[in-house]
Amino acid sequence: MSELPNCPQCDSEYTYEDGILLVCPTCGHEWSPGEAEAAADDDAVRDSNGNVLENGDTVVVIKDLKLKGSTTVVKVGTKVKNIRLVDADHDIDCKIEGIGAMSLKSEFVRKA
């Protein structure tokens, strides 16, 4: 017998298959098996090419980025190592050599 996943709404372990759907008898929620995996990927931080980013990845800046309040610019092609993902508008925290700690938007980087 195969192991069925818990209900994504109420986390009940008493799920069963009904045709192509999975059903939870506790709360009545019905879902397709790939739906829960897709929902988990929707929360993922993605780079400009759509690749999923993770903590510790190395990324490359794809656009010159001017720093507010400074004349410093992060140039195209700057490699940023060991990124940390955060839940904010600028979703990457990192240290850039020669500039220091800063936050970046994932739309301006690509995975190296």
Protein backbone atom coordinates (compact mmCIF):
# COMPACT_ATOMS: atom_id res chain seq x y z
CA MET A 1 0.00 0.00 0.00
CA SER A 2 1.35 3.42 -0.93
CA GLU A 3 1.84 6.21 1.58
CA LEU A 4 -0.66 9.04 0.96
CA PRO A 5 0.19 12.63 1.97
CA ASN A 6 -1.56 14.40 4.83
CA CYS A 7 -4.32 16.88 4.05
CA PRO A 8 -2.84 20.29 3.12
CA GLN A 9 -5.66 22.14 4.95
CA CYS A 10 -6.09 20.33 8.25
CA ASP A 11 -3.02 18.03 8.22
CA SER A 12 -5.19 14.95 8.81
CA GLU A 13 -3.47 11.64 8.10
CA TYR A 14 -6.73 9.91 7.10
CA THR A 15 -6.68 10.76 3.39
CA TYR A 16 -7.87 8.45 0.63
CA GLU A 17 -7.91 8.30 -3.16
CA ASP A 18 -11.12 8.92 -5.10
CA GLY A 19 -10.31 8.48 -8.77
CA ILE A 20 -7.56 10.97 -9.59
CA LEU A 21 -8.23 13.13 -6.52
CA LEU A 22 -7.15 12.78 -2.91
CA VAL A 23 -9.88 13.39 -0.31
CA CYS A 24 -9.76 14.26 3.38
CA PRO A 25 -12.71 12.81 5.33
CA THR A 26 -12.03 15.12 8.29
CA CYS A 27 -12.50 18.50 6.55
CA GLY A 28 -13.83 17.40 3.14
CA HIS A 29 -10.97 18.99 1.17
CA GLU A 30 -10.26 17.48 -2.27
CA TRP A 31 -7.02 18.03 -4.19
CA SER A 32 -4.91 16.51 -6.94
CA PRO A 33 -1.61 14.88 -5.90
CA GLY A 34 0.54 17.46 -7.78
CA GLU A 35 -1.37 20.44 -6.35
CA ALA A 36 0.38 20.40 -2.96
CA GLU A 37 3.82 20.25 -4.59
CA ALA A 38 2.93 23.14 -6.92
CA ALA A 39 1.74 25.25 -3.98
CA ALA A 40 5.05 24.68 -2.20
CA ASP A 41 6.93 25.86 -5.31
CA ASP A 42 4.77 29.02 -5.58
CA ASP A 43 6.33 30.33 -2.37
CA ALA A 44 9.85 29.74 -3.69
CA VAL A 45 12.10 32.69 -4.51
CA ARG A 46 13.03 32.62 -8.19
CA ASP A 47 15.74 34.41 -10.15
CA SER A 48 15.25 36.31 -13.42
CA ASN A 49 15.29 33.05 -15.40
CA GLY A 50 12.77 31.26 -13.16
CA ASN A 51 15.28 29.06 -11.32
CA VAL A 52 14.49 28.43 -7.65
CA LEU A 53 17.00 30.09 -5.32
CA GLU A 54 18.08 28.62 -1.98
CA ASN A 55 20.14 29.83 0.96
CA GLY A 56 23.86 29.57 0.22
CA ASP A 57 23.53 29.84 -3.57
CA THR A 58 25.81 31.97 -5.72
CA VAL A 59 24.14 34.48 -8.04
CA VAL A 60 25.27 36.94 -10.71
CA VAL A 61 23.86 40.48 -11.05
CA ILE A 62 22.24 41.00 -14.50
CA LYS A 63 21.82 44.81 -14.40
CA ASP A 64 23.80 47.79 -13.10
CA LEU A 65 22.28 48.61 -9.71
CA LYS A 66 22.69 52.12 -8.29
CA LEU A 67 22.78 52.32 -4.50
CA LYS A 68 20.50 54.94 -2.94
CA GLY A 69 22.32 57.80 -1.28
CA SER A 70 25.63 56.87 -2.83
CA THR A 71 27.51 57.10 -6.11
CA THR A 72 28.45 53.42 -5.87
CA VAL A 73 27.13 51.03 -8.51
CA VAL A 74 26.92 47.22 -8.43
CA LYS A 75 28.09 46.34 -11.95
CA VAL A 76 26.63 43.73 -14.30
CA GLY A 77 28.35 40.37 -13.82
CA THR A 78 29.15 40.88 -10.13
CA LYS A 79 29.18 37.46 -8.49
CA VAL A 80 27.50 37.29 -5.09
CA LYS A 81 28.30 34.20 -3.00
CA ASN A 82 26.44 32.65 -0.09
CA ILE A 83 23.11 34.49 -0.34
CA ARG A 84 20.46 34.38 2.39
CA LEU A 85 16.76 34.49 1.49
CA VAL A 86 14.41 36.68 3.54
CA ASP A 87 10.69 37.36 3.41
CA ALA A 88 10.64 41.00 2.28
CA ASP A 89 10.42 43.20 -0.83
CA HIS A 90 14.20 42.81 -1.34
CA ASP A 91 14.28 39.05 -0.84
CA ILE A 92 18.06 38.41 -0.88
CA ASP A 93 20.48 39.47 1.87
CA CYS A 94 24.15 39.26 0.95
CA LYS A 95 27.61 40.75 1.25
CA ILE A 96 29.19 42.13 -1.89
CA GLU A 97 32.95 42.38 -1.90
CA GLY A 98 34.05 46.02 -1.94
CA ILE A 99 30.56 47.30 -1.08
CA GLY A 100 29.40 45.43 2.03
CA ALA A 101 26.10 44.06 3.28
CA MET A 102 23.01 44.83 1.22
CA SER A 103 19.66 43.49 0.06
CA LEU A 104 18.82 42.63 -3.54
CA LYS A 105 15.66 41.81 -5.44
CA SER A 106 15.69 38.35 -7.01
CA GLU A 107 14.50 39.76 -10.34
CA PHE A 108 17.92 41.39 -10.87
CA VAL A 109 20.04 38.25 -10.42
CA ARG A 110 20.49 34.87 -12.06
CA LYS A 111 21.75 31.67 -10.52
CA ALA A 112 25.43 31.06 -11.24
